[in-house]
Amino acid sequence: METIKPPKSLTDQTYDILLDAICTGELSPGDRLNQDDIANRLNVSRQPVISAISMLRANGFVEDTGRRGVIVTQVEAELFHPILEFRRVVEPFAAELAASRFPSHARDEAAIVLRRGAEAAARSNIVELVQTDIEFHEMIYSWSANPVIDTSMRVNWHHIRRYMGHVLRDLGGTSRIWAEHAAIVEAILSGDAQAARQEMHHHIETAGHRMINAL
């Protein structure tokens, strides 16, 4: 039985909205965050906006520039490359584990996620594409039945979301991405750990090349 979760505070809701806007490119690198404009748009007071911007600053998504105020940070290759190196190790391993540990409902779960991704691609909806991409990878972490993998990936996941947003703006490549996802799922559900590792490694490598091109 699940517990009742308390509603998010206005600060947390404001943070989530601004973070989504940054990760999907609605707020681009260099865009200025005007506290009054944001408060009016979200129909909240300035206080939750100020607190949310402080959280974004602490996590490296915005920065103070003096006279220009607070702006969205640039997408830096210096951060992307270490994250890519980490994903090259962790995600193929997660797929390998998943091939022998996936749950009984895995095929039904995968069908839902793959369908949602295809629908988001058909609508060319960046927000949905980023979200479904996240859901796909979190599904594989879950199937690995290794909670350390999920925890370690979440440390930098919001930065990964932002890089995904840059990659997925090339909407012509979304069908390839979801074809790679489908190949990973098929390898896992067939119980072929080596193929699952190889398919995920290929996916992370091609995603890295797309990101380098986008940068």
Protein backbone atom coordinates (compact mmCIF):
# COMPACT_ATOMS: atom_id res chain seq x y z
CA MET A 1 0.00 0.00 0.00
CA GLU A 2 1.40 3.38 -1.02
CA THR A 3 1.56 6.27 1.40
CA ILE A 4 -0.17 9.59 0.71
CA LYS A 5 2.38 12.04 -0.61
CA PRO A 6 2.10 15.67 0.55
CA PRO A 7 1.54 18.23 -2.21
CA LYS A 8 4.60 20.02 -3.48
CA SER A 9 5.30 23.50 -2.16
CA LEU A 10 5.01 26.52 -4.43
CA THR A 11 8.79 26.73 -4.45
CA ASP A 12 9.14 23.11 -5.60
CA GLN A 13 6.45 23.57 -8.26
CA THR A 14 8.13 26.74 -9.51
CA TYR A 15 11.51 24.97 -9.58
CA ASP A 16 10.09 22.05 -11.57
CA ILE A 17 8.47 24.37 -14.12
CA LEU A 18 11.62 26.44 -14.62
CA LEU A 19 13.82 23.33 -14.78
CA ASP A 20 11.55 21.77 -17.41
CA ALA A 21 11.73 25.00 -19.42
CA ILE A 22 15.53 24.95 -19.27
CA CYS A 23 15.85 21.24 -20.08
CA THR A 24 13.50 21.42 -23.07
CA GLY A 25 15.00 24.64 -24.45
CA GLU A 26 11.98 26.84 -23.81
CA LEU A 27 14.50 28.87 -21.81
CA SER A 28 17.69 28.91 -23.86
CA PRO A 29 21.28 29.39 -22.68
CA GLY A 30 21.81 33.08 -21.99
CA ASP A 31 18.13 33.87 -21.45
CA ARG A 32 17.52 36.21 -18.53
CA LEU A 33 15.20 35.13 -15.72
CA ASN A 34 13.08 38.09 -14.65
CA GLN A 35 11.57 37.37 -11.25
CA ASP A 36 8.55 39.63 -11.70
CA ASP A 37 7.74 38.24 -15.15
CA ILE A 38 8.00 34.66 -13.91
CA ALA A 39 5.87 35.38 -10.84
CA ASN A 40 3.16 36.99 -12.98
CA ARG A 41 3.22 34.18 -15.52
CA LEU A 42 2.98 31.46 -12.85
CA ASN A 43 0.53 33.46 -10.72
CA VAL A 44 2.68 33.22 -7.59
CA SER A 45 4.45 35.74 -5.37
CA ARG A 46 8.11 36.61 -5.89
CA GLN A 47 9.26 34.56 -2.89
CA PRO A 48 8.85 31.05 -4.41
CA VAL A 49 10.44 32.35 -7.61
CA ILE A 50 13.44 33.71 -5.70
CA SER A 51 13.79 30.40 -3.82
CA ALA A 52 13.45 28.33 -7.01
CA ILE A 53 16.08 30.41 -8.79
CA SER A 54 18.43 29.92 -5.83
CA MET A 55 17.96 26.15 -6.16
CA LEU A 56 18.62 26.34 -9.90
CA ARG A 57 21.77 28.36 -9.22
CA ALA A 58 23.01 25.83 -6.66
CA ASN A 59 22.50 23.01 -9.19
CA GLY A 60 24.31 24.83 -11.98
CA PHE A 61 21.39 25.65 -14.28
CA VAL A 62 21.48 29.45 -13.88
CA GLU A 63 24.15 31.96 -12.93
CA ASP A 64 24.48 35.58 -11.81
CA THR A 65 26.02 37.92 -14.34
CA GLY A 66 25.96 41.22 -12.46
CA ARG A 67 24.13 43.89 -14.43
CA ARG A 68 22.25 41.38 -16.61
CA GLY A 69 20.96 39.56 -13.57
CA VAL A 70 20.35 35.81 -13.53
CA ILE A 71 20.67 33.95 -16.84
CA VAL A 72 20.44 30.33 -17.99
CA THR A 73 23.89 28.75 -18.08
CA GLN A 74 25.46 27.48 -21.26
CA VAL A 75 25.47 23.76 -22.05
CA GLU A 76 29.10 22.96 -21.40
CA ALA A 77 31.02 20.14 -23.02
CA GLU A 78 33.21 20.05 -19.89
CA LEU A 79 30.25 18.64 -17.93
CA PHE A 80 28.83 16.55 -20.76
CA HIS A 81 31.94 14.43 -21.37
CA PRO A 82 32.30 13.13 -17.78
CA ILE A 83 28.58 12.27 -17.71
CA LEU A 84 28.92 10.44 -21.05
CA GLU A 85 31.89 8.48 -19.72
CA PHE A 86 29.84 7.46 -16.69
CA ARG A 87 26.86 6.42 -18.81
CA ARG A 88 29.08 4.30 -21.07
CA VAL A 89 29.90 2.14 -18.04
CA VAL A 90 26.67 2.15 -16.03
CA GLU A 91 23.90 1.88 -18.62
CA PRO A 92 25.22 -1.12 -20.60
CA PHE A 93 25.73 -2.86 -17.25
CA ALA A 94 22.13 -2.04 -16.27
CA ALA A 95 20.88 -3.54 -19.53
CA GLU A 96 23.00 -6.65 -19.00
CA LEU A 97 21.56 -7.17 -15.51
CA ALA A 98 18.03 -6.48 -16.77
CA ALA A 99 18.29 -9.38 -19.24
CA SER A 100 18.20 -11.85 -16.34
CA ARG A 101 16.19 -9.82 -13.83
CA PHE A 102 13.36 -8.12 -15.74
CA PRO A 103 9.94 -8.44 -14.06
CA SER A 104 7.00 -10.46 -15.35
CA HIS A 105 5.20 -7.31 -16.52
CA ALA A 106 8.23 -6.03 -18.45
CA ARG A 107 6.86 -6.62 -21.95
CA ASP A 108 3.61 -4.75 -21.19
CA GLU A 109 5.51 -1.92 -19.51
CA ALA A 110 7.91 -1.59 -22.43
CA ALA A 111 5.05 -1.55 -24.94
CA ILE A 112 3.49 1.41 -23.13
CA VAL A 113 6.74 3.39 -22.95
CA LEU A 114 7.69 2.67 -26.58
CA ARG A 115 4.22 3.65 -27.76
CA ARG A 116 4.32 6.91 -25.82
CA GLY A 117 7.72 7.70 -27.30
CA ALA A 118 6.47 7.05 -30.83
CA GLU A 119 3.44 9.25 -30.23
CA ALA A 120 5.60 12.08 -28.85
CA ALA A 121 7.86 11.81 -31.91
CA ALA A 122 4.84 11.94 -34.23
CA ARG A 123 3.67 15.13 -32.47
CA SER A 124 7.21 16.59 -32.49
CA ASN A 125 6.68 17.46 -28.83
CA ILE A 126 10.03 18.14 -27.18
CA VAL A 127 8.68 18.10 -23.62
CA GLU A 128 7.05 14.71 -24.13
CA LEU A 129 10.10 13.34 -25.97
CA VAL A 130 12.41 14.25 -23.09
CA GLN A 131 9.99 12.80 -20.54
CA THR A 132 9.47 9.53 -22.40
CA ASP A 133 13.21 9.18 -22.98
CA ILE A 134 13.73 9.53 -19.23
CA GLU A 135 10.98 6.99 -18.56
CA PHE A 136 12.66 4.51 -20.91
CA HIS A 137 16.02 4.68 -19.18
CA GLU A 138 14.49 4.65 -15.70
CA MET A 139 12.58 1.52 -16.75
CA ILE A 140 15.86 -0.23 -17.61
CA TYR A 141 17.38 0.85 -14.27
CA SER A 142 14.34 -0.61 -12.52
CA TRP A 143 14.60 -3.88 -14.44
CA SER A 144 18.25 -4.20 -13.38
CA ALA A 145 17.00 -4.61 -9.78
CA ASN A 146 20.08 -2.72 -8.61
CA PRO A 147 19.05 0.37 -6.62
CA VAL A 148 22.59 1.76 -6.68
CA ILE A 149 22.36 2.19 -10.46
CA ASP A 150 19.15 4.20 -10.17
CA THR A 151 20.54 6.35 -7.34
CA SER A 152 23.85 7.02 -9.09
CA MET A 153 22.17 8.00 -12.35
CA ARG A 154 19.78 10.39 -10.61
CA VAL A 155 22.66 12.47 -9.24
CA ASN A 156 23.24 14.08 -12.64
CA TRP A 157 19.94 13.19 -14.28
CA HIS A 158 18.66 16.75 -14.65
CA HIS A 159 21.82 17.66 -16.54
CA ILE A 160 21.27 14.57 -18.70
CA ARG A 161 17.73 15.81 -19.35
CA ARG A 162 19.15 19.07 -20.59
CA TYR A 163 21.54 17.36 -22.96
CA MET A 164 18.68 15.16 -24.17
CA GLY A 165 16.71 18.30 -24.92
CA HIS A 166 19.49 19.51 -27.21
CA VAL A 167 19.69 16.17 -29.00
CA LEU A 168 15.93 15.82 -29.37
CA ARG A 169 15.55 19.24 -30.96
CA ASP A 170 16.83 17.50 -34.08
CA LEU A 171 13.39 15.99 -34.56
CA GLY A 172 14.54 14.17 -37.66
CA GLY A 173 16.54 11.82 -35.44
CA THR A 174 13.81 10.80 -33.03
CA SER A 175 12.73 7.74 -35.02
CA ARG A 176 16.31 6.41 -34.86
CA ILE A 177 16.43 6.94 -31.11
CA TRP A 178 13.23 4.99 -30.52
CA ALA A 179 14.36 2.25 -32.90
CA GLU A 180 17.45 1.91 -30.71
CA HIS A 181 15.24 1.78 -27.62
CA ALA A 182 13.15 -0.99 -29.18
CA ALA A 183 16.30 -2.99 -30.01
CA ILE A 184 17.50 -2.70 -26.41
CA VAL A 185 14.14 -3.92 -25.10
CA GLU A 186 14.08 -6.86 -27.50
CA ALA A 187 17.57 -7.96 -26.48
CA ILE A 188 16.68 -7.74 -22.80
CA LEU A 189 13.39 -9.60 -23.12
CA SER A 190 15.09 -12.33 -25.13
CA GLY A 191 17.38 -12.88 -22.15
CA ASP A 192 20.52 -12.16 -24.19
CA ALA A 193 22.68 -10.24 -21.72
CA GLN A 194 25.56 -9.70 -24.16
CA ALA A 195 23.27 -8.34 -26.89
CA ALA A 196 21.51 -6.11 -24.34
CA ARG A 197 24.86 -4.67 -23.26
CA GLN A 198 25.94 -4.12 -26.87
CA GLU A 199 22.67 -2.48 -27.91
CA MET A 200 22.77 -0.10 -24.94
CA HIS A 201 26.44 0.70 -25.56
CA HIS A 202 25.64 1.52 -29.18
CA HIS A 203 22.74 3.72 -28.05
CA ILE A 204 24.87 5.69 -25.58
CA GLU A 205 27.65 6.12 -28.15
CA THR A 206 25.32 7.41 -30.87
CA ALA A 207 23.60 9.69 -28.34
CA GLY A 208 27.03 11.05 -27.44
CA HIS A 209 27.85 11.78 -31.07
CA ARG A 210 24.50 13.54 -31.51
CA MET A 211 25.23 15.66 -28.44
CA ILE A 212 28.71 16.57 -29.60
CA ASN A 213 27.24 17.69 -32.94
CA ALA A 214 24.54 19.67 -31.14
CA LEU A 215 27.14 21.41 -28.98
